[in-house]
PDB file of N, CA and C in Angstrom:
ATOM      1  N   MET A   1      10.510  13.546   6.736  1.00  0.00           N
ATOM      2  CA  MET A   1      10.407  12.142   6.390  1.00  0.00           C
ATOM      3  C   MET A   1       9.216  11.982   5.455  1.00  0.00           C
ATOM      4  N   GLN A   2       9.481  12.025   4.170  1.00  0.00           N
ATOM      5  CA  GLN A   2       8.445  11.912   3.153  1.00  0.00           C
ATOM      6  C   GLN A   2       8.740  10.734   2.237  1.00  0.00           C
ATOM      7  N   VAL A   3       7.704  10.058   1.790  1.00  0.00           N
ATOM      8  CA  VAL A   3       7.856   8.970   0.832  1.00  0.00           C
ATOM      9  C   VAL A   3       8.223   9.577  -0.518  1.00  0.00           C
ATOM     10  N   LYS A   4       9.349   9.117  -1.073  1.00  0.00           N
ATOM     11  CA  LYS A   4       9.830   9.606  -2.365  1.00  0.00           C
ATOM     12  C   LYS A   4       9.332   8.721  -3.494  1.00  0.00           C
ATOM     13  N   ASP A   5       9.467   7.406  -3.338  1.00  0.00           N
ATOM     14  CA  ASP A   5       9.083   6.437  -4.364  1.00  0.00           C
ATOM     15  C   ASP A   5       8.224   5.350  -3.745  1.00  0.00           C
ATOM     16  N   LEU A   6       7.104   5.076  -4.378  1.00  0.00           N
ATOM     17  CA  LEU A   6       6.277   3.933  -4.011  1.00  0.00           C
ATOM     18  C   LEU A   6       6.584   2.859  -5.036  1.00  0.00           C
ATOM     19  N   ILE A   7       7.313   1.830  -4.617  1.00  0.00           N
ATOM     20  CA  ILE A   7       7.794   0.813  -5.549  1.00  0.00           C
ATOM     21  C   ILE A   7       6.716  -0.215  -5.845  1.00  0.00           C
ATOM     22  N   THR A   8       6.142  -0.793  -4.816  1.00  0.00           N
ATOM     23  CA  THR A   8       5.020  -1.717  -4.982  1.00  0.00           C
ATOM     24  C   THR A   8       4.010  -1.487  -3.863  1.00  0.00           C
ATOM     25  N   PHE A   9       2.758  -1.787  -4.176  1.00  0.00           N
ATOM     26  CA  PHE A   9       1.719  -1.770  -3.155  1.00  0.00           C
ATOM     27  C   PHE A   9       0.573  -2.645  -3.624  1.00  0.00           C
ATOM     28  N   TYR A  10       0.003  -3.376  -2.710  1.00  0.00           N
ATOM     29  CA  TYR A  10      -1.168  -4.189  -3.021  1.00  0.00           C
ATOM     30  C   TYR A  10      -1.895  -4.527  -1.740  1.00  0.00           C
ATOM     31  N   ILE A  11      -3.156  -4.862  -1.900  1.00  0.00           N
ATOM     32  CA  ILE A  11      -3.958  -5.287  -0.759  1.00  0.00           C
ATOM     33  C   ILE A  11      -3.908  -6.799  -0.688  1.00  0.00           C
ATOM     34  N   ASN A  12      -3.400  -7.295   0.413  1.00  0.00           N
ATOM     35  CA  ASN A  12      -3.296  -8.722   0.646  1.00  0.00           C
ATOM     36  C   ASN A  12      -4.593  -9.162   1.328  1.00  0.00           C
ATOM     37  N   ASP A  13      -5.440  -9.822   0.558  1.00  0.00           N
ATOM     38  CA  ASP A  13      -6.759 -10.206   1.058  1.00  0.00           C
ATOM     39  C   ASP A  13      -6.670 -11.230   2.189  1.00  0.00           C
ATOM     40  N   SER A  14      -5.724 -12.150   2.107  1.00  0.00           N
ATOM     41  CA  SER A  14      -5.646 -13.203   3.125  1.00  0.00           C
ATOM     42  C   SER A  14      -5.215 -12.662   4.490  1.00  0.00           C
ATOM     43  N   SER A  15      -4.323 -11.676   4.503  1.00  0.00           N
ATOM     44  CA  SER A  15      -3.878 -11.118   5.777  1.00  0.00           C
ATOM     45  C   SER A  15      -4.573  -9.804   6.121  1.00  0.00           C
ATOM     46  N   LYS A  16      -5.416  -9.311   5.182  1.00  0.00           N
ATOM     47  CA  LYS A  16      -6.134  -8.051   5.355  1.00  0.00           C
ATOM     48  C   LYS A  16      -5.174  -6.904   5.670  1.00  0.00           C
ATOM     49  N   THR A  17      -4.139  -6.807   4.812  1.00  0.00           N
ATOM     50  CA  THR A  17      -3.140  -5.766   4.972  1.00  0.00           C
ATOM     51  C   THR A  17      -2.880  -5.042   3.656  1.00  0.00           C
ATOM     52  N   LEU A  18      -2.371  -3.830   3.776  1.00  0.00           N
ATOM     53  CA  LEU A  18      -1.809  -3.096   2.659  1.00  0.00           C
ATOM     54  C   LEU A  18      -0.316  -3.353   2.716  1.00  0.00           C
ATOM     55  N   ASP A  19       0.223  -4.067   1.739  1.00  0.00           N
ATOM     56  CA  ASP A  19       1.643  -4.394   1.695  1.00  0.00           C
ATOM     57  C   ASP A  19       2.331  -3.402   0.772  1.00  0.00           C
ATOM     58  N   VAL A  20       3.359  -2.721   1.288  1.00  0.00           N
ATOM     59  CA  VAL A  20       4.024  -1.667   0.532  1.00  0.00           C
ATOM     60  C   VAL A  20       5.534  -1.838   0.555  1.00  0.00           C
ATOM     61  N   THR A  21       6.153  -1.421  -0.537  1.00  0.00           N
ATOM     62  CA  THR A  21       7.597  -1.281  -0.635  1.00  0.00           C
ATOM     63  C   THR A  21       7.830   0.134  -1.140  1.00  0.00           C
ATOM     64  N   PHE A  22       8.682   0.881  -0.439  1.00  0.00           N
ATOM     65  CA  PHE A  22       8.843   2.291  -0.758  1.00  0.00           C
ATOM     66  C   PHE A  22      10.221   2.803  -0.347  1.00  0.00           C
ATOM     67  N   ARG A  23      10.506   4.046  -0.744  1.00  0.00           N
ATOM     68  CA  ARG A  23      11.715   4.756  -0.339  1.00  0.00           C
ATOM     69  C   ARG A  23      11.315   6.115   0.226  1.00  0.00           C
ATOM     70  N   LEU A  24      12.047   6.535   1.237  1.00  0.00           N
ATOM     71  CA  LEU A  24      11.897   7.896   1.740  1.00  0.00           C
ATOM     72  C   LEU A  24      12.863   8.807   0.988  1.00  0.00           C
ATOM     73  N   GLU A  25      12.668  10.115   1.137  1.00  0.00           N
ATOM     74  CA  GLU A  25      13.559  11.084   0.503  1.00  0.00           C
ATOM     75  C   GLU A  25      15.004  10.901   0.963  1.00  0.00           C
ATOM     76  N   THR A  26      15.196  10.393   2.172  1.00  0.00           N
ATOM     77  CA  THR A  26      16.543  10.219   2.730  1.00  0.00           C
ATOM     78  C   THR A  26      17.192   8.901   2.325  1.00  0.00           C
ATOM     79  N   ASP A  27      16.440   8.006   1.691  1.00  0.00           N
ATOM     80  CA  ASP A  27      16.968   6.700   1.293  1.00  0.00           C
ATOM     81  C   ASP A  27      17.667   6.797  -0.057  1.00  0.00           C
ATOM     82  N   GLY A  28      18.699   5.972  -0.247  1.00  0.00           N
ATOM     83  CA  GLY A  28      19.385   5.913  -1.524  1.00  0.00           C
ATOM     84  C   GLY A  28      18.626   5.049  -2.517  1.00  0.00           C
ATOM     85  N   ASP A  29      19.046   5.105  -3.769  1.00  0.00           N
ATOM     86  CA  ASP A  29      18.387   4.326  -4.819  1.00  0.00           C
ATOM     87  C   ASP A  29      18.557   2.825  -4.629  1.00  0.00           C
ATOM     88  N   ASP A  30      19.529   2.412  -3.831  1.00  0.00           N
ATOM     89  CA  ASP A  30      19.768   0.996  -3.587  1.00  0.00           C
ATOM     90  C   ASP A  30      19.211   0.543  -2.238  1.00  0.00           C
ATOM     91  N   GLU A  31      18.269   1.327  -1.686  1.00  0.00           N
ATOM     92  CA  GLU A  31      17.651   1.000  -0.407  1.00  0.00           C
ATOM     93  C   GLU A  31      16.125   1.007  -0.554  1.00  0.00           C
ATOM     94  N   ILE A  32      15.456   0.134   0.200  1.00  0.00           N
ATOM     95  CA  ILE A  32      13.995   0.081   0.221  1.00  0.00           C
ATOM     96  C   ILE A  32      13.513  -0.146   1.645  1.00  0.00           C
ATOM     97  N   ARG A  33      12.242   0.036   1.815  1.00  0.00           N
ATOM     98  CA  ARG A  33      11.561  -0.265   3.084  1.00  0.00           C
ATOM     99  C   ARG A  33      10.301  -1.059   2.744  1.00  0.00           C
ATOM    100  N   ASN A  34      10.011  -2.087   3.541  1.00  0.00           N
ATOM    101  CA  ASN A  34       8.827  -2.930   3.344  1.00  0.00           C
ATOM    102  C   ASN A  34       7.967  -2.876   4.593  1.00  0.00           C
ATOM    103  N   ASP A  35       6.670  -2.853   4.388  1.00  0.00           N
ATOM    104  CA  ASP A  35       5.770  -2.865   5.536  1.00  0.00           C
ATOM    105  C   ASP A  35       4.435  -3.477   5.142  1.00  0.00           C
ATOM    106  N   SER A  36       3.734  -3.988   6.136  1.00  0.00           N
ATOM    107  CA  SER A  36       2.363  -4.487   5.998  1.00  0.00           C
ATOM    108  C   SER A  36       1.530  -3.774   7.054  1.00  0.00           C
ATOM    109  N   ILE A  37       0.523  -3.051   6.603  1.00  0.00           N
ATOM    110  CA  ILE A  37      -0.307  -2.267   7.504  1.00  0.00           C
ATOM    111  C   ILE A  37      -1.729  -2.795   7.417  1.00  0.00           C
ATOM    112  N   LEU A  38      -2.320  -3.071   8.551  1.00  0.00           N
ATOM    113  CA  LEU A  38      -3.680  -3.602   8.577  1.00  0.00           C
ATOM    114  C   LEU A  38      -4.648  -2.669   7.858  1.00  0.00           C
ATOM    115  N   ILE A  39      -5.517  -3.247   7.050  1.00  0.00           N
ATOM    116  CA  ILE A  39      -6.542  -2.462   6.349  1.00  0.00           C
ATOM    117  C   ILE A  39      -7.402  -1.710   7.359  1.00  0.00           C
ATOM    118  N   GLU A  40      -7.611  -2.308   8.495  1.00  0.00           N
ATOM    119  CA  GLU A  40      -8.372  -1.660   9.566  1.00  0.00           C
ATOM    120  C   GLU A  40      -7.709  -0.333   9.957  1.00  0.00           C
ATOM    121  N   THR A  41      -6.385  -0.316  10.019  1.00  0.00           N
ATOM    122  CA  THR A  41      -5.648   0.909  10.334  1.00  0.00           C
ATOM    123  C   THR A  41      -5.790   1.931   9.222  1.00  0.00           C
ATOM    124  N   VAL A  42      -5.720   1.475   7.970  1.00  0.00           N
ATOM    125  CA  VAL A  42      -5.896   2.358   6.818  1.00  0.00           C
ATOM    126  C   VAL A  42      -7.269   3.026   6.902  1.00  0.00           C
ATOM    127  N   ASP A  43      -8.291   2.233   7.215  1.00  0.00           N
ATOM    128  CA  ASP A  43      -9.656   2.756   7.341  1.00  0.00           C
ATOM    129  C   ASP A  43      -9.759   3.785   8.473  1.00  0.00           C
ATOM    130  N   GLU A  44      -9.055   3.534   9.593  1.00  0.00           N
ATOM    131  CA  GLU A  44      -9.083   4.465  10.726  1.00  0.00           C
ATOM    132  C   GLU A  44      -8.527   5.832  10.349  1.00  0.00           C
ATOM    133  N   PHE A  45      -7.611   5.861   9.389  1.00  0.00           N
ATOM    134  CA  PHE A  45      -7.037   7.114   8.917  1.00  0.00           C
ATOM    135  C   PHE A  45      -7.923   7.787   7.862  1.00  0.00           C
ATOM    136  N   GLY A  46      -9.045   7.143   7.531  1.00  0.00           N
ATOM    137  CA  GLY A  46      -9.993   7.740   6.596  1.00  0.00           C
ATOM    138  C   GLY A  46      -9.731   7.430   5.137  1.00  0.00           C
ATOM    139  N   TYR A  47      -8.855   6.474   4.862  1.00  0.00           N
ATOM    140  CA  TYR A  47      -8.565   6.080   3.487  1.00  0.00           C
ATOM    141  C   TYR A  47      -9.278   4.768   3.199  1.00  0.00           C
ATOM    142  N   GLU A  48      -9.894   4.667   2.028  1.00  0.00           N
ATOM    143  CA  GLU A  48     -10.575   3.445   1.613  1.00  0.00           C
ATOM    144  C   GLU A  48     -10.068   3.078   0.227  1.00  0.00           C
ATOM    145  N   PHE A  49      -9.001   2.293   0.198  1.00  0.00           N
ATOM    146  CA  PHE A  49      -8.420   1.904  -1.080  1.00  0.00           C
ATOM    147  C   PHE A  49      -9.255   0.837  -1.771  1.00  0.00           C
ATOM    148  N   LEU A  50      -9.982   0.051  -1.012  1.00  0.00           N
ATOM    149  CA  LEU A  50     -10.835  -0.976  -1.582  1.00  0.00           C
ATOM    150  C   LEU A  50     -12.057  -1.120  -0.691  1.00  0.00           C
ATOM    151  N   ASN A  51     -13.204  -0.801  -1.223  1.00  0.00           N
ATOM    152  CA  ASN A  51     -14.439  -0.898  -0.454  1.00  0.00           C
ATOM    153  C   ASN A  51     -14.912  -2.335  -0.380  1.00  0.00           C
ATOM    154  N   GLU A  52     -15.675  -2.640   0.644  1.00  0.00           N
ATOM    155  CA  GLU A  52     -16.247  -3.985   0.793  1.00  0.00           C
ATOM    156  C   GLU A  52     -17.069  -4.369  -0.426  1.00  0.00           C
ATOM    157  N   SER A  53     -17.741  -3.394  -1.036  1.00  0.00           N
ATOM    158  CA  SER A  53     -18.568  -3.698  -2.197  1.00  0.00           C
ATOM    159  C   SER A  53     -17.721  -4.206  -3.358  1.00  0.00           C
ATOM    160  N   ASP A  54     -16.438  -3.839  -3.402  1.00  0.00           N
ATOM    161  CA  ASP A  54     -15.559  -4.337  -4.455  1.00  0.00           C
ATOM    162  C   ASP A  54     -15.426  -5.859  -4.365  1.00  0.00           C
ATOM    163  N   TYR A  55     -15.454  -6.387  -3.151  1.00  0.00           N
ATOM    164  CA  TYR A  55     -15.358  -7.831  -2.969  1.00  0.00           C
ATOM    165  C   TYR A  55     -16.633  -8.538  -3.425  1.00  0.00           C
ATOM    166  N   ASP A  56     -17.765  -7.906  -3.197  1.00  0.00           N
ATOM    167  CA  ASP A  56     -19.047  -8.540  -3.486  1.00  0.00           C
ATOM    168  C   ASP A  56     -19.302  -8.723  -4.980  1.00  0.00           C
ATOM    169  N   ASP A  57     -18.617  -7.962  -5.815  1.00  0.00           N
ATOM    170  CA  ASP A  57     -18.841  -8.012  -7.251  1.00  0.00           C
ATOM    171  C   ASP A  57     -18.138  -9.177  -7.944  1.00  0.00           C
ATOM    172  N   TYR A  58     -17.361  -9.949  -7.209  1.00  0.00           N
ATOM    173  CA  TYR A  58     -16.546 -10.991  -7.834  1.00  0.00           C
ATOM    174  C   TYR A  58     -16.862 -12.355  -7.235  1.00  0.00           C
ATOM    175  N   ASP A  59     -16.924 -13.358  -8.135  1.00  0.00           N
ATOM    176  CA  ASP A  59     -17.262 -14.700  -7.700  1.00  0.00           C
ATOM    177  C   ASP A  59     -16.063 -15.472  -7.167  1.00  0.00           C
ATOM    178  N   ASP A  60     -14.875 -15.188  -7.682  1.00  0.00           N
ATOM    179  CA  ASP A  60     -13.707 -15.916  -7.203  1.00  0.00           C
ATOM    180  C   ASP A  60     -12.489 -15.002  -7.166  1.00  0.00           C
ATOM    181  N   GLU A  61     -11.396 -15.512  -6.596  1.00  0.00           N
ATOM    182  CA  GLU A  61     -10.189 -14.713  -6.436  1.00  0.00           C
ATOM    183  C   GLU A  61      -9.596 -14.271  -7.765  1.00  0.00           C
ATOM    184  N   ASP A  62      -9.707 -15.093  -8.813  1.00  0.00           N
ATOM    185  CA  ASP A  62      -9.143 -14.724 -10.112  1.00  0.00           C
ATOM    186  C   ASP A  62      -9.812 -13.469 -10.659  1.00  0.00           C
ATOM    187  N   ASP A  63     -11.131 -13.378 -10.514  1.00  0.00           N
ATOM    188  CA  ASP A  63     -11.839 -12.186 -10.970  1.00  0.00           C
ATOM    189  C   ASP A  63     -11.408 -10.962 -10.170  1.00  0.00           C
ATOM    190  N   LEU A  64     -11.249 -11.131  -8.847  1.00  0.00           N
ATOM    191  CA  LEU A  64     -10.833 -10.025  -7.994  1.00  0.00           C
ATOM    192  C   LEU A  64      -9.418  -9.604  -8.353  1.00  0.00           C
ATOM    193  N   PHE A  65      -8.529 -10.564  -8.566  1.00  0.00           N
ATOM    194  CA  PHE A  65      -7.154 -10.255  -8.964  1.00  0.00           C
ATOM    195  C   PHE A  65      -7.142  -9.480 -10.275  1.00  0.00           C
ATOM    196  N   ASP A  66      -7.934  -9.919 -11.231  1.00  0.00           N
ATOM    197  CA  ASP A  66      -7.985  -9.241 -12.527  1.00  0.00           C
ATOM    198  C   ASP A  66      -8.483  -7.811 -12.386  1.00  0.00           C
ATOM    199  N   SER A  67      -9.321  -7.548 -11.390  1.00  0.00           N
ATOM    200  CA  SER A  67      -9.823  -6.194 -11.207  1.00  0.00           C
ATOM    201  C   SER A  67      -8.757  -5.262 -10.655  1.00  0.00           C
ATOM    202  N   TYR A  68      -7.797  -5.816  -9.917  1.00  0.00           N
ATOM    203  CA  TYR A  68      -6.713  -5.001  -9.373  1.00  0.00           C
ATOM    204  C   TYR A  68      -5.769  -4.530 -10.471  1.00  0.00           C
ATOM    205  N   TYR A  69      -5.592  -5.348 -11.488  1.00  0.00           N
ATOM    206  CA  TYR A  69      -4.575  -5.064 -12.494  1.00  0.00           C
ATOM    207  C   TYR A  69      -5.165  -5.152 -13.896  1.00  0.00           C
ATOM    208  N   ASP A  70      -5.001  -4.107 -14.670  1.00  0.00           N
ATOM    209  CA  ASP A  70      -5.449  -4.172 -16.052  1.00  0.00           C
ATOM    210  C   ASP A  70      -4.339  -4.763 -16.910  1.00  0.00           C
ATOM    211  N   GLU A  71      -4.532  -4.770 -18.222  1.00  0.00           N
ATOM    212  CA  GLU A  71      -3.550  -5.423 -19.096  1.00  0.00           C
ATOM    213  C   GLU A  71      -2.186  -4.755 -19.047  1.00  0.00           C
ATOM    214  N   ASP A  72      -2.113  -3.506 -18.613  1.00  0.00           N
ATOM    215  CA  ASP A  72      -0.831  -2.816 -18.483  1.00  0.00           C
ATOM    216  C   ASP A  72      -0.248  -2.980 -17.082  1.00  0.00           C
ATOM    217  N   ASN A  73      -0.875  -3.803 -16.272  1.00  0.00           N
ATOM    218  CA  ASN A  73      -0.417  -4.104 -14.915  1.00  0.00           C
ATOM    219  C   ASN A  73      -0.435  -2.869 -14.020  1.00  0.00           C
ATOM    220  N   HIS A  74      -1.488  -2.060 -14.129  1.00  0.00           N
ATOM    221  CA  HIS A  74      -1.656  -0.919 -13.258  1.00  0.00           C
ATOM    222  C   HIS A  74      -2.781  -1.184 -12.272  1.00  0.00           C
ATOM    223  N   SER A  75      -2.592  -0.729 -11.062  1.00  0.00           N
ATOM    224  CA  SER A  75      -3.601  -0.904 -10.039  1.00  0.00           C
ATOM    225  C   SER A  75      -4.626   0.214 -10.106  1.00  0.00           C
ATOM    226  N   PRO A  76      -5.907  -0.085  -9.858  1.00  0.00           N
ATOM    227  CA  PRO A  76      -6.907   0.978  -9.822  1.00  0.00           C
ATOM    228  C   PRO A  76      -6.785   1.853  -8.574  1.00  0.00           C
ATOM    229  N   ILE A  77      -5.991   1.428  -7.602  1.00  0.00           N
ATOM    230  CA  ILE A  77      -5.777   2.211  -6.397  1.00  0.00           C
ATOM    231  C   ILE A  77      -4.848   3.370  -6.743  1.00  0.00           C
ATOM    232  N   ASP A  78      -5.210   4.569  -6.353  1.00  0.00           N
ATOM    233  CA  ASP A  78      -4.444   5.769  -6.669  1.00  0.00           C
ATOM    234  C   ASP A  78      -3.140   5.798  -5.872  1.00  0.00           C
ATOM    235  N   GLU A  79      -2.022   5.795  -6.585  1.00  0.00           N
ATOM    236  CA  GLU A  79      -0.692   5.790  -5.963  1.00  0.00           C
ATOM    237  C   GLU A  79      -0.493   7.012  -5.073  1.00  0.00           C
ATOM    238  N   ASP A  80      -0.990   8.167  -5.496  1.00  0.00           N
ATOM    239  CA  ASP A  80      -0.836   9.383  -4.700  1.00  0.00           C
ATOM    240  C   ASP A  80      -1.574   9.275  -3.363  1.00  0.00           C
ATOM    241  N   GLU A  81      -2.710   8.580  -3.370  1.00  0.00           N
ATOM    242  CA  GLU A  81      -3.454   8.368  -2.117  1.00  0.00           C
ATOM    243  C   GLU A  81      -2.666   7.474  -1.163  1.00  0.00           C
ATOM    244  N   VAL A  82      -2.018   6.446  -1.702  1.00  0.00           N
ATOM    245  CA  VAL A  82      -1.210   5.551  -0.873  1.00  0.00           C
ATOM    246  C   VAL A  82      -0.043   6.330  -0.273  1.00  0.00           C
ATOM    247  N   ILE A  83       0.619   7.143  -1.078  1.00  0.00           N
ATOM    248  CA  ILE A  83       1.736   7.953  -0.577  1.00  0.00           C
ATOM    249  C   ILE A  83       1.247   8.914   0.503  1.00  0.00           C
ATOM    250  N   SER A  84       0.108   9.545   0.271  1.00  0.00           N
ATOM    251  CA  SER A  84      -0.459  10.457   1.258  1.00  0.00           C
ATOM    252  C   SER A  84      -0.735   9.726   2.572  1.00  0.00           C
ATOM    253  N   PHE A  85      -1.336   8.548   2.469  1.00  0.00           N
ATOM    254  CA  PHE A  85      -1.601   7.761   3.676  1.00  0.00           C
ATOM    255  C   PHE A  85      -0.305   7.420   4.401  1.00  0.00           C
ATOM    256  N   LEU A  86       0.704   6.918   3.666  1.00  0.00           N
ATOM    257  CA  LEU A  86       1.965   6.528   4.295  1.00  0.00           C
ATOM    258  C   LEU A  86       2.630   7.706   4.995  1.00  0.00           C
ATOM    259  N   ASN A  87       2.644   8.864   4.349  1.00  0.00           N
ATOM    260  CA  ASN A  87       3.244  10.043   4.975  1.00  0.00           C
ATOM    261  C   ASN A  87       2.541  10.389   6.277  1.00  0.00           C
ATOM    262  N   GLU A  88       1.222  10.348   6.270  1.00  0.00           N
ATOM    263  CA  GLU A  88       0.445  10.650   7.479  1.00  0.00           C
ATOM    264  C   GLU A  88       0.662   9.573   8.548  1.00  0.00           C
ATOM    265  N   TYR A  89       0.615   8.310   8.134  1.00  0.00           N
ATOM    266  CA  TYR A  89       0.756   7.193   9.060  1.00  0.00           C
ATOM    267  C   TYR A  89       2.107   7.219   9.780  1.00  0.00           C
ATOM    268  N   TYR A  90       3.192   7.421   9.015  1.00  0.00           N
ATOM    269  CA  TYR A  90       4.521   7.401   9.630  1.00  0.00           C
ATOM    270  C   TYR A  90       4.843   8.693  10.370  1.00  0.00           C
ATOM    271  N   MET A  91       4.170   9.783  10.049  1.00  0.00           N
ATOM    272  CA  MET A  91       4.344  11.007  10.814  1.00  0.00           C
ATOM    273  C   MET A  91       3.791  10.806  12.231  1.00  0.00           C
ATOM    274  N   ILE A  92       2.659  10.114  12.319  1.00  0.00           N
ATOM    275  CA  ILE A  92       2.027   9.857  13.612  1.00  0.00           C
ATOM    276  C   ILE A  92       2.671   8.670  14.333  1.00  0.00           C
ATOM    277  N   ASN A  93       3.093   7.663  13.570  1.00  0.00           N
ATOM    278  CA  ASN A  93       3.651   6.423  14.144  1.00  0.00           C
ATOM    279  C   ASN A  93       5.117   6.262  13.741  1.00  0.00           C
ATOM    280  N   GLN A  94       5.952   7.194  14.155  1.00  0.00           N
ATOM    281  CA  GLN A  94       7.353   7.186  13.746  1.00  0.00           C
ATOM    282  C   GLN A  94       8.091   5.916  14.161  1.00  0.00           C
ATOM    283  N   LYS A  95       7.692   5.326  15.258  1.00  0.00           N
ATOM    284  CA  LYS A  95       8.368   4.105  15.732  1.00  0.00           C
ATOM    285  C   LYS A  95       8.026   2.892  14.870  1.00  0.00           C
ATOM    286  N   LYS A  96       6.982   2.998  14.053  1.00  0.00           N
ATOM    287  CA  LYS A  96       6.585   1.889  13.190  1.00  0.00           C
ATOM    288  C   LYS A  96       7.226   1.965  11.804  1.00  0.00           C
ATOM    289  N   LEU A  97       8.002   3.004  11.552  1.00  0.00           N
ATOM    290  CA  LEU A  97       8.683   3.149  10.272  1.00  0.00           C
ATOM    291  C   LEU A  97       9.661   1.991  10.108  1.00  0.00           C
ATOM    292  N   PRO A  98       9.515   1.197   9.034  1.00  0.00           N
ATOM    293  CA  PRO A  98      10.410   0.057   8.846  1.00  0.00           C
ATOM    294  C   PRO A  98      11.840   0.536   8.544  1.00  0.00           C
ATOM    295  N   SER A  99      12.785  -0.290   8.942  1.00  0.00           N
ATOM    296  CA  SER A  99      14.185   0.055   8.702  1.00  0.00           C
ATOM    297  C   SER A  99      14.536  -0.173   7.230  1.00  0.00           C
ATOM    298  N   VAL A 100      15.613   0.448   6.833  1.00  0.00           N
ATOM    299  CA  VAL A 100      16.094   0.366   5.458  1.00  0.00           C
ATOM    300  C   VAL A 100      16.698  -1.010   5.199  1.00  0.00           C
ATOM    301  N   GLU A 101      16.425  -1.550   4.003  1.00  0.00           N
ATOM    302  CA  GLU A 101      16.997  -2.816   3.558  1.00  0.00           C
ATOM    303  C   GLU A 101      17.684  -2.579   2.226  1.00  0.00           C
ATOM    304  N   PRO A 102      18.714  -3.363   1.913  1.00  0.00           N
ATOM    305  CA  PRO A 102      19.325  -3.235   0.571  1.00  0.00           C
ATOM    306  C   PRO A 102      18.356  -3.685  -0.505  1.00  0.00           C
ATOM    307  N   PHE A 103      18.391  -2.994  -1.649  1.00  0.00           N
ATOM    308  CA  PHE A 103      17.492  -3.292  -2.757  1.00  0.00           C
ATOM    309  C   PHE A 103      18.127  -4.280  -3.698  1.00  0.00           C
TER     310      PHE A 103
END
Protein backbone atom coordinates (compact mmCIF):
# COMPACT_ATOMS: atom_id res chain seq x y z
CA MET A 1 0.00 0.00 0.00
CA GLN A 2 2.04 2.90 -1.34
CA VAL A 3 0.99 6.39 -2.37
CA LYS A 4 1.28 6.61 -6.17
CA ASP A 5 0.04 10.17 -6.82
CA LEU A 6 -0.21 13.13 -4.49
CA ILE A 7 -2.92 15.22 -6.14
CA THR A 8 -3.28 18.06 -3.65
CA PHE A 9 -1.91 18.88 -0.23
CA TYR A 10 -1.98 21.94 1.96
CA ILE A 11 -1.82 22.95 5.58
CA ASN A 12 -5.18 24.14 6.80
CA ASP A 13 -4.31 26.74 9.42
CA SER A 14 -7.83 27.06 10.83
CA SER A 15 -8.22 23.34 11.55
CA LYS A 16 -4.48 22.71 12.11
CA THR A 17 -4.49 19.81 9.67
CA LEU A 18 -2.60 18.56 6.65
CA ASP A 19 -5.32 18.10 4.03
CA VAL A 20 -4.39 15.65 1.28
CA THR A 21 -5.89 14.12 -1.84
CA PHE A 22 -3.99 11.15 -3.21
CA ARG A 23 -4.05 7.77 -4.97
CA LEU A 24 -2.53 4.49 -3.91
CA GLU A 25 -0.80 2.15 -6.36
CA THR A 26 -3.94 -0.03 -6.26
CA ASP A 27 -6.31 2.84 -7.12
CA GLY A 28 -7.45 3.58 -10.66
CA ASP A 29 -6.96 6.90 -12.42
CA ASP A 30 -10.62 7.73 -11.78
CA GLU A 31 -10.36 7.17 -8.01
CA ILE A 32 -9.03 9.38 -5.19
CA ARG A 33 -8.72 9.38 -1.43
CA ASN A 34 -9.11 12.46 0.81
CA ASP A 35 -7.91 12.88 4.35
CA SER A 36 -7.20 15.51 7.00
CA ILE A 37 -4.44 14.65 9.45
CA LEU A 38 -3.73 16.76 12.51
CA ILE A 39 -0.46 18.69 12.30
CA GLU A 40 0.21 17.42 15.80
CA THR A 41 0.20 13.87 14.39
CA VAL A 42 2.53 14.89 11.55
CA ASP A 43 4.92 16.34 14.15
CA GLU A 44 4.75 13.11 16.22
CA PHE A 45 6.03 11.23 13.17
CA GLY A 46 9.01 13.60 13.02
CA TYR A 47 7.92 15.59 9.97
CA GLU A 48 7.80 19.39 10.09
CA PHE A 49 6.23 20.70 6.91
CA LEU A 50 5.74 24.16 8.39
CA ASN A 51 7.61 25.41 11.43
CA GLU A 52 6.04 27.76 13.95
CA SER A 53 8.60 30.38 12.94
CA ASP A 54 7.04 30.40 9.46
CA TYR A 55 3.89 31.83 11.04
CA ASP A 56 5.76 34.53 12.94
CA ASP A 57 7.22 36.06 9.77
CA TYR A 58 3.84 37.13 8.39
CA ASP A 59 1.52 39.91 9.48
CA ASP A 60 -1.67 38.57 7.93
CA GLU A 61 -3.16 35.51 6.25
CA ASP A 62 -2.63 36.91 2.73
CA ASP A 63 1.13 37.10 3.29
CA LEU A 64 1.16 33.56 4.70
CA PHE A 65 -0.92 32.28 1.77
CA ASP A 66 1.46 33.92 -0.69
CA SER A 67 4.37 32.17 0.99
CA TYR A 68 2.79 28.77 0.40
CA TYR A 69 2.45 29.33 -3.33
CA ASP A 70 4.76 31.08 -5.74
CA GLU A 71 3.67 32.51 -9.08
CA ASP A 72 3.74 29.02 -10.62
CA ASN A 73 1.41 27.77 -7.86
CA HIS A 74 3.96 25.43 -6.30
CA SER A 75 4.12 24.75 -2.60
CA PRO A 76 7.42 25.13 -0.74
CA ILE A 77 6.56 21.91 1.10
CA ASP A 78 8.44 18.98 -0.45
CA GLU A 79 5.97 16.61 -2.14
CA ASP A 80 8.29 13.63 -1.60
CA GLU A 81 8.30 14.33 2.16
CA VAL A 82 4.49 14.36 2.22
CA ILE A 83 4.38 11.05 0.33
CA SER A 84 6.95 9.57 2.71
CA PHE A 85 4.90 10.69 5.70
CA LEU A 86 1.65 9.30 4.24
CA ASN A 87 3.23 5.93 3.48
CA GLU A 88 4.57 5.68 7.04
CA TYR A 89 1.35 6.98 8.62
CA TYR A 90 -0.95 4.55 6.78
CA MET A 91 1.42 1.62 7.28
CA ILE A 92 1.08 2.13 11.04
CA ASN A 93 -2.58 3.28 11.00
CA GLN A 94 -4.13 1.02 8.36
CA LYS A 95 -7.62 1.49 9.78
CA LYS A 96 -7.36 5.25 9.18
CA LEU A 97 -6.78 4.84 5.44
CA PRO A 98 -9.63 6.74 3.75
CA SER A 99 -11.86 4.82 1.38
CA VAL A 100 -11.75 5.32 -2.37
CA GLU A 101 -14.02 7.96 -3.92
CA PRO A 102 -14.78 8.58 -7.60
CA PHE A 103 -12.65 11.35 -9.12
